Amino acid sequence: MNSVIIEAYVADKSREQLVGVEGTAQGQGFRYGVQTVLSYGGLAGVRYPRLHETMISGPVGASTSVT
């Protein structure tokens, strides 16, 4: 239930912000997409459909650019 609530109310706003960061970075010449850390340690692009999996990853879950 928590995941559904987070996804419904927060994920879209977070995704919009991350897409904005990605657009700004690419506008300044960054060649790669912005990725974020998933709670189990994997990486996902900012358009990942279950973005709530990044929100419970703790302080290391900051957005990061990876090739």
PDB file of N, CA and C in Angstrom:
ATOM      1  N   MET A   1       0.810  -1.185   0.000  1.00  0.00           N
ATOM      2  CA  MET A   1       0.000   0.000   0.000  1.00  0.00           C
ATOM      3  C   MET A   1       0.863   1.262   0.000  1.00  0.00           C
ATOM      4  N   ASN A   2       1.946   1.227   0.787  1.00  0.00           N
ATOM      5  CA  ASN A   2       2.833   2.394   0.822  1.00  0.00           C
ATOM      6  C   ASN A   2       3.394   2.706  -0.560  1.00  0.00           C
ATOM      7  N   SER A   3       3.792   1.673  -1.278  1.00  0.00           N
ATOM      8  CA  SER A   3       4.360   1.878  -2.615  1.00  0.00           C
ATOM      9  C   SER A   3       3.344   2.507  -3.553  1.00  0.00           C
ATOM     10  N   VAL A   4       2.101   2.081  -3.463  1.00  0.00           N
ATOM     11  CA  VAL A   4       1.050   2.635  -4.315  1.00  0.00           C
ATOM     12  C   VAL A   4       0.842   4.115  -4.003  1.00  0.00           C
ATOM     13  N   ILE A   5       0.814   4.447  -2.737  1.00  0.00           N
ATOM     14  CA  ILE A   5       0.619   5.840  -2.335  1.00  0.00           C
ATOM     15  C   ILE A   5       1.789   6.708  -2.790  1.00  0.00           C
ATOM     16  N   ILE A   6       2.994   6.221  -2.562  1.00  0.00           N
ATOM     17  CA  ILE A   6       4.175   6.979  -2.986  1.00  0.00           C
ATOM     18  C   ILE A   6       4.170   7.166  -4.492  1.00  0.00           C
ATOM     19  N   GLU A   7       3.917   6.099  -5.228  1.00  0.00           N
ATOM     20  CA  GLU A   7       3.909   6.182  -6.688  1.00  0.00           C
ATOM     21  C   GLU A   7       2.831   7.150  -7.168  1.00  0.00           C
ATOM     22  N   ALA A   8       1.675   7.118  -6.543  1.00  0.00           N
ATOM     23  CA  ALA A   8       0.553   7.954  -6.984  1.00  0.00           C
ATOM     24  C   ALA A   8       0.779   9.441  -6.709  1.00  0.00           C
ATOM     25  N   TYR A   9       1.391   9.777  -5.586  1.00  0.00           N
ATOM     26  CA  TYR A   9       1.460  11.178  -5.188  1.00  0.00           C
ATOM     27  C   TYR A   9       2.828  11.832  -5.345  1.00  0.00           C
ATOM     28  N   VAL A  10       3.879  11.059  -5.347  1.00  0.00           N
ATOM     29  CA  VAL A  10       5.210  11.656  -5.326  1.00  0.00           C
ATOM     30  C   VAL A  10       6.037  11.334  -6.559  1.00  0.00           C
ATOM     31  N   ALA A  11       5.885  10.161  -7.113  1.00  0.00           N
ATOM     32  CA  ALA A  11       6.777   9.720  -8.192  1.00  0.00           C
ATOM     33  C   ALA A  11       6.717  10.634  -9.410  1.00  0.00           C
ATOM     34  N   ASP A  12       5.538  11.072  -9.803  1.00  0.00           N
ATOM     35  CA  ASP A  12       5.439  11.929 -10.983  1.00  0.00           C
ATOM     36  C   ASP A  12       6.161  13.262 -10.781  1.00  0.00           C
ATOM     37  N   LYS A  13       6.025  13.843  -9.611  1.00  0.00           N
ATOM     38  CA  LYS A  13       6.712  15.110  -9.333  1.00  0.00           C
ATOM     39  C   LYS A  13       8.229  14.902  -9.314  1.00  0.00           C
ATOM     40  N   SER A  14       8.661  13.807  -8.728  1.00  0.00           N
ATOM     41  CA  SER A  14      10.092  13.496  -8.709  1.00  0.00           C
ATOM     42  C   SER A  14      10.614  13.247 -10.118  1.00  0.00           C
ATOM     43  N   ARG A  15       9.850  12.518 -10.893  1.00  0.00           N
ATOM     44  CA  ARG A  15      10.249  12.220 -12.275  1.00  0.00           C
ATOM     45  C   ARG A  15      10.372  13.511 -13.082  1.00  0.00           C
ATOM     46  N   GLU A  16       9.430  14.407 -12.930  1.00  0.00           N
ATOM     47  CA  GLU A  16       9.487  15.690 -13.637  1.00  0.00           C
ATOM     48  C   GLU A  16      10.766  16.449 -13.277  1.00  0.00           C
ATOM     49  N   GLN A  17      11.096  16.454 -12.000  1.00  0.00           N
ATOM     50  CA  GLN A  17      12.295  17.152 -11.563  1.00  0.00           C
ATOM     51  C   GLN A  17      13.546  16.489 -12.138  1.00  0.00           C
ATOM     52  N   LEU A  18      13.609  15.173 -12.109  1.00  0.00           N
ATOM     53  CA  LEU A  18      14.771  14.465 -12.639  1.00  0.00           C
ATOM     54  C   LEU A  18      14.896  14.629 -14.153  1.00  0.00           C
ATOM     55  N   VAL A  19      13.782  14.632 -14.857  1.00  0.00           N
ATOM     56  CA  VAL A  19      13.805  14.862 -16.305  1.00  0.00           C
ATOM     57  C   VAL A  19      14.314  16.278 -16.585  1.00  0.00           C
ATOM     58  N   GLY A  20      13.935  17.228 -15.749  1.00  0.00           N
ATOM     59  CA  GLY A  20      14.435  18.591 -15.887  1.00  0.00           C
ATOM     60  C   GLY A  20      15.938  18.675 -15.676  1.00  0.00           C
ATOM     61  N   VAL A  21      16.437  17.969 -14.677  1.00  0.00           N
ATOM     62  CA  VAL A  21      17.881  17.919 -14.428  1.00  0.00           C
ATOM     63  C   VAL A  21      18.589  17.295 -15.635  1.00  0.00           C
ATOM     64  N   GLU A  22      18.029  16.215 -16.142  1.00  0.00           N
ATOM     65  CA  GLU A  22      18.607  15.543 -17.298  1.00  0.00           C
ATOM     66  C   GLU A  22      18.632  16.477 -18.517  1.00  0.00           C
ATOM     67  N   GLY A  23      17.541  17.174 -18.759  1.00  0.00           N
ATOM     68  CA  GLY A  23      17.468  18.101 -19.883  1.00  0.00           C
ATOM     69  C   GLY A  23      18.480  19.230 -19.769  1.00  0.00           C
ATOM     70  N   THR A  24      18.626  19.769 -18.570  1.00  0.00           N
ATOM     71  CA  THR A  24      19.600  20.832 -18.353  1.00  0.00           C
ATOM     72  C   THR A  24      21.021  20.321 -18.577  1.00  0.00           C
ATOM     73  N   ALA A  25      21.306  19.146 -18.040  1.00  0.00           N
ATOM     74  CA  ALA A  25      22.647  18.569 -18.213  1.00  0.00           C
ATOM     75  C   ALA A  25      22.950  18.298 -19.682  1.00  0.00           C
ATOM     76  N   GLN A  26      21.981  17.745 -20.396  1.00  0.00           N
ATOM     77  CA  GLN A  26      22.190  17.462 -21.813  1.00  0.00           C
ATOM     78  C   GLN A  26      22.273  18.759 -22.622  1.00  0.00           C
ATOM     79  N   GLY A  27      21.559  19.775 -22.206  1.00  0.00           N
ATOM     80  CA  GLY A  27      21.633  21.070 -22.860  1.00  0.00           C
ATOM     81  C   GLY A  27      23.003  21.727 -22.715  1.00  0.00           C
ATOM     82  N   GLN A  28      23.737  21.303 -21.692  1.00  0.00           N
ATOM     83  CA  GLN A  28      25.079  21.828 -21.471  1.00  0.00           C
ATOM     84  C   GLN A  28      26.156  20.870 -21.969  1.00  0.00           C
ATOM     85  N   GLY A  29      25.723  19.869 -22.755  1.00  0.00           N
ATOM     86  CA  GLY A  29      26.691  18.991 -23.400  1.00  0.00           C
ATOM     87  C   GLY A  29      26.894  17.631 -22.769  1.00  0.00           C
ATOM     88  N   PHE A  30      26.179  17.324 -21.687  1.00  0.00           N
ATOM     89  CA  PHE A  30      26.314  16.000 -21.080  1.00  0.00           C
ATOM     90  C   PHE A  30      25.695  14.977 -22.019  1.00  0.00           C
ATOM     91  N   ARG A  31      26.417  13.931 -22.344  1.00  0.00           N
ATOM     92  CA  ARG A  31      25.978  13.000 -23.383  1.00  0.00           C
ATOM     93  C   ARG A  31      25.108  11.846 -22.880  1.00  0.00           C
ATOM     94  N   TYR A  32      24.999  11.661 -21.589  1.00  0.00           N
ATOM     95  CA  TYR A  32      24.324  10.475 -21.057  1.00  0.00           C
ATOM     96  C   TYR A  32      23.028  10.835 -20.350  1.00  0.00           C
ATOM     97  N   GLY A  33      22.215   9.832 -20.121  1.00  0.00           N
ATOM     98  CA  GLY A  33      21.000  10.043 -19.363  1.00  0.00           C
ATOM     99  C   GLY A  33      21.273  10.012 -17.870  1.00  0.00           C
ATOM    100  N   VAL A  34      20.468  10.714 -17.115  1.00  0.00           N
ATOM    101  CA  VAL A  34      20.587  10.706 -15.660  1.00  0.00           C
ATOM    102  C   VAL A  34      19.958   9.429 -15.136  1.00  0.00           C
ATOM    103  N   GLN A  35      20.617   8.794 -14.188  1.00  0.00           N
ATOM    104  CA  GLN A  35      20.091   7.590 -13.562  1.00  0.00           C
ATOM    105  C   GLN A  35      19.997   7.798 -12.062  1.00  0.00           C
ATOM    106  N   THR A  36      19.207   6.980 -11.428  1.00  0.00           N
ATOM    107  CA  THR A  36      19.050   7.051  -9.987  1.00  0.00           C
ATOM    108  C   THR A  36      19.224   5.651  -9.401  1.00  0.00           C
ATOM    109  N   VAL A  37      19.568   5.586  -8.129  1.00  0.00           N
ATOM    110  CA  VAL A  37      19.837   4.319  -7.458  1.00  0.00           C
ATOM    111  C   VAL A  37      18.527   3.717  -6.962  1.00  0.00           C
ATOM    112  N   LEU A  38      18.326   2.434  -7.235  1.00  0.00           N
ATOM    113  CA  LEU A  38      17.153   1.719  -6.733  1.00  0.00           C
ATOM    114  C   LEU A  38      17.427   1.217  -5.315  1.00  0.00           C
ATOM    115  N   SER A  39      16.405   0.906  -4.576  1.00  0.00           N
ATOM    116  CA  SER A  39      16.564   0.511  -3.180  1.00  0.00           C
ATOM    117  C   SER A  39      17.400  -0.751  -3.019  1.00  0.00           C
ATOM    118  N   TYR A  40      17.448  -1.597  -4.020  1.00  0.00           N
ATOM    119  CA  TYR A  40      18.237  -2.829  -3.931  1.00  0.00           C
ATOM    120  C   TYR A  40      19.602  -2.684  -4.589  1.00  0.00           C
ATOM    121  N   GLY A  41      19.999  -1.455  -4.917  1.00  0.00           N
ATOM    122  CA  GLY A  41      21.343  -1.204  -5.405  1.00  0.00           C
ATOM    123  C   GLY A  41      21.488  -1.079  -6.907  1.00  0.00           C
ATOM    124  N   GLY A  42      20.454  -1.364  -7.663  1.00  0.00           N
ATOM    125  CA  GLY A  42      20.529  -1.224  -9.111  1.00  0.00           C
ATOM    126  C   GLY A  42      20.392   0.224  -9.538  1.00  0.00           C
ATOM    127  N   LEU A  43      20.528   0.445 -10.822  1.00  0.00           N
ATOM    128  CA  LEU A  43      20.364   1.782 -11.389  1.00  0.00           C
ATOM    129  C   LEU A  43      19.199   1.776 -12.360  1.00  0.00           C
ATOM    130  N   ALA A  44      18.536   2.916 -12.456  1.00  0.00           N
ATOM    131  CA  ALA A  44      17.427   3.055 -13.399  1.00  0.00           C
ATOM    132  C   ALA A  44      17.425   4.466 -13.953  1.00  0.00           C
ATOM    133  N   GLY A  45      17.017   4.586 -15.206  1.00  0.00           N
ATOM    134  CA  GLY A  45      16.859   5.898 -15.810  1.00  0.00           C
ATOM    135  C   GLY A  45      15.689   6.630 -15.175  1.00  0.00           C
ATOM    136  N   VAL A  46      15.606   7.912 -15.408  1.00  0.00           N
ATOM    137  CA  VAL A  46      14.574   8.726 -14.763  1.00  0.00           C
ATOM    138  C   VAL A  46      13.169   8.424 -15.280  1.00  0.00           C
ATOM    139  N   ARG A  47      13.063   7.692 -16.353  1.00  0.00           N
ATOM    140  CA  ARG A  47      11.736   7.326 -16.884  1.00  0.00           C
ATOM    141  C   ARG A  47      11.327   5.912 -16.459  1.00  0.00           C
ATOM    142  N   TYR A  48      12.023   5.347 -15.509  1.00  0.00           N
ATOM    143  CA  TYR A  48      11.721   4.020 -14.976  1.00  0.00           C
ATOM    144  C   TYR A  48      10.284   4.019 -14.447  1.00  0.00           C
ATOM    145  N   PRO A  49       9.468   3.025 -14.819  1.00  0.00           N
ATOM    146  CA  PRO A  49       8.040   3.070 -14.466  1.00  0.00           C
ATOM    147  C   PRO A  49       7.728   2.915 -12.977  1.00  0.00           C
ATOM    148  N   ARG A  50       8.636   2.351 -12.194  1.00  0.00           N
ATOM    149  CA  ARG A  50       8.383   2.172 -10.753  1.00  0.00           C
ATOM    150  C   ARG A  50       9.370   3.026  -9.957  1.00  0.00           C
ATOM    151  N   LEU A  51       9.279   4.322 -10.148  1.00  0.00           N
ATOM    152  CA  LEU A  51      10.227   5.243  -9.530  1.00  0.00           C
ATOM    153  C   LEU A  51      10.166   5.215  -8.007  1.00  0.00           C
ATOM    154  N   HIS A  52       9.086   4.716  -7.435  1.00  0.00           N
ATOM    155  CA  HIS A  52       9.007   4.635  -5.970  1.00  0.00           C
ATOM    156  C   HIS A  52      10.110   3.749  -5.407  1.00  0.00           C
ATOM    157  N   GLU A  53      10.666   2.860  -6.216  1.00  0.00           N
ATOM    158  CA  GLU A  53      11.745   1.982  -5.753  1.00  0.00           C
ATOM    159  C   GLU A  53      13.020   2.773  -5.462  1.00  0.00           C
ATOM    160  N   THR A  54      13.103   3.996  -5.933  1.00  0.00           N
ATOM    161  CA  THR A  54      14.274   4.823  -5.650  1.00  0.00           C
ATOM    162  C   THR A  54      14.086   5.637  -4.382  1.00  0.00           C
ATOM    163  N   MET A  55      12.878   5.801  -3.950  1.00  0.00           N
ATOM    164  CA  MET A  55      12.594   6.703  -2.834  1.00  0.00           C
ATOM    165  C   MET A  55      12.839   6.084  -1.471  1.00  0.00           C
ATOM    166  N   ILE A  56      13.062   4.802  -1.425  1.00  0.00           N
ATOM    167  CA  ILE A  56      13.315   4.146  -0.148  1.00  0.00           C
ATOM    168  C   ILE A  56      14.755   3.666  -0.053  1.00  0.00           C
ATOM    169  N   SER A  57      15.631   4.241  -0.877  1.00  0.00           N
ATOM    170  CA  SER A  57      17.001   3.774  -0.934  1.00  0.00           C
ATOM    171  C   SER A  57      17.927   4.505   0.023  1.00  0.00           C
ATOM    172  N   GLY A  58      17.431   5.467   0.767  1.00  0.00           N
ATOM    173  CA  GLY A  58      18.244   6.153   1.749  1.00  0.00           C
ATOM    174  C   GLY A  58      19.132   7.225   1.152  1.00  0.00           C
ATOM    175  N   PRO A  59      20.086   7.710   1.953  1.00  0.00           N
ATOM    176  CA  PRO A  59      20.910   8.839   1.517  1.00  0.00           C
ATOM    177  C   PRO A  59      21.773   8.564   0.296  1.00  0.00           C
ATOM    178  N   VAL A  60      22.083   7.305   0.025  1.00  0.00           N
ATOM    179  CA  VAL A  60      22.893   7.001  -1.152  1.00  0.00           C
ATOM    180  C   VAL A  60      22.056   7.013  -2.420  1.00  0.00           C
ATOM    181  N   GLY A  61      20.760   7.238  -2.290  1.00  0.00           N
ATOM    182  CA  GLY A  61      19.862   7.206  -3.439  1.00  0.00           C
ATOM    183  C   GLY A  61      19.786   8.505  -4.204  1.00  0.00           C
ATOM    184  N   ALA A  62      20.768   9.343  -4.055  1.00  0.00           N
ATOM    185  CA  ALA A  62      20.761  10.609  -4.784  1.00  0.00           C
ATOM    186  C   ALA A  62      20.883  10.346  -6.280  1.00  0.00           C
ATOM    187  N   SER A  63      20.376  11.248  -7.059  1.00  0.00           N
ATOM    188  CA  SER A  63      20.489  11.118  -8.513  1.00  0.00           C
ATOM    189  C   SER A  63      21.950  11.137  -8.903  1.00  0.00           C
ATOM    190  N   THR A  64      22.286  10.300  -9.836  1.00  0.00           N
ATOM    191  CA  THR A  64      23.671  10.197 -10.253  1.00  0.00           C
ATOM    192  C   THR A  64      23.743   9.979 -11.745  1.00  0.00           C
ATOM    193  N   SER A  65      24.726  10.521 -12.367  1.00  0.00           N
ATOM    194  CA  SER A  65      24.884  10.325 -13.805  1.00  0.00           C
ATOM    195  C   SER A  65      25.876   9.192 -14.046  1.00  0.00           C
ATOM    196  N   VAL A  66      25.444   8.211 -14.799  1.00  0.00           N
ATOM    197  CA  VAL A  66      26.256   7.034 -15.044  1.00  0.00           C
ATOM    198  C   VAL A  66      26.159   6.694 -16.520  1.00  0.00           C
ATOM    199  N   THR A  67      27.220   6.207 -17.085  1.00  0.00           N
ATOM    200  CA  THR A  67      27.210   5.841 -18.496  1.00  0.00           C
ATOM    201  C   THR A  67      26.527   4.523 -18.709  1.00  0.00           C
TER     202      THR A  67
END
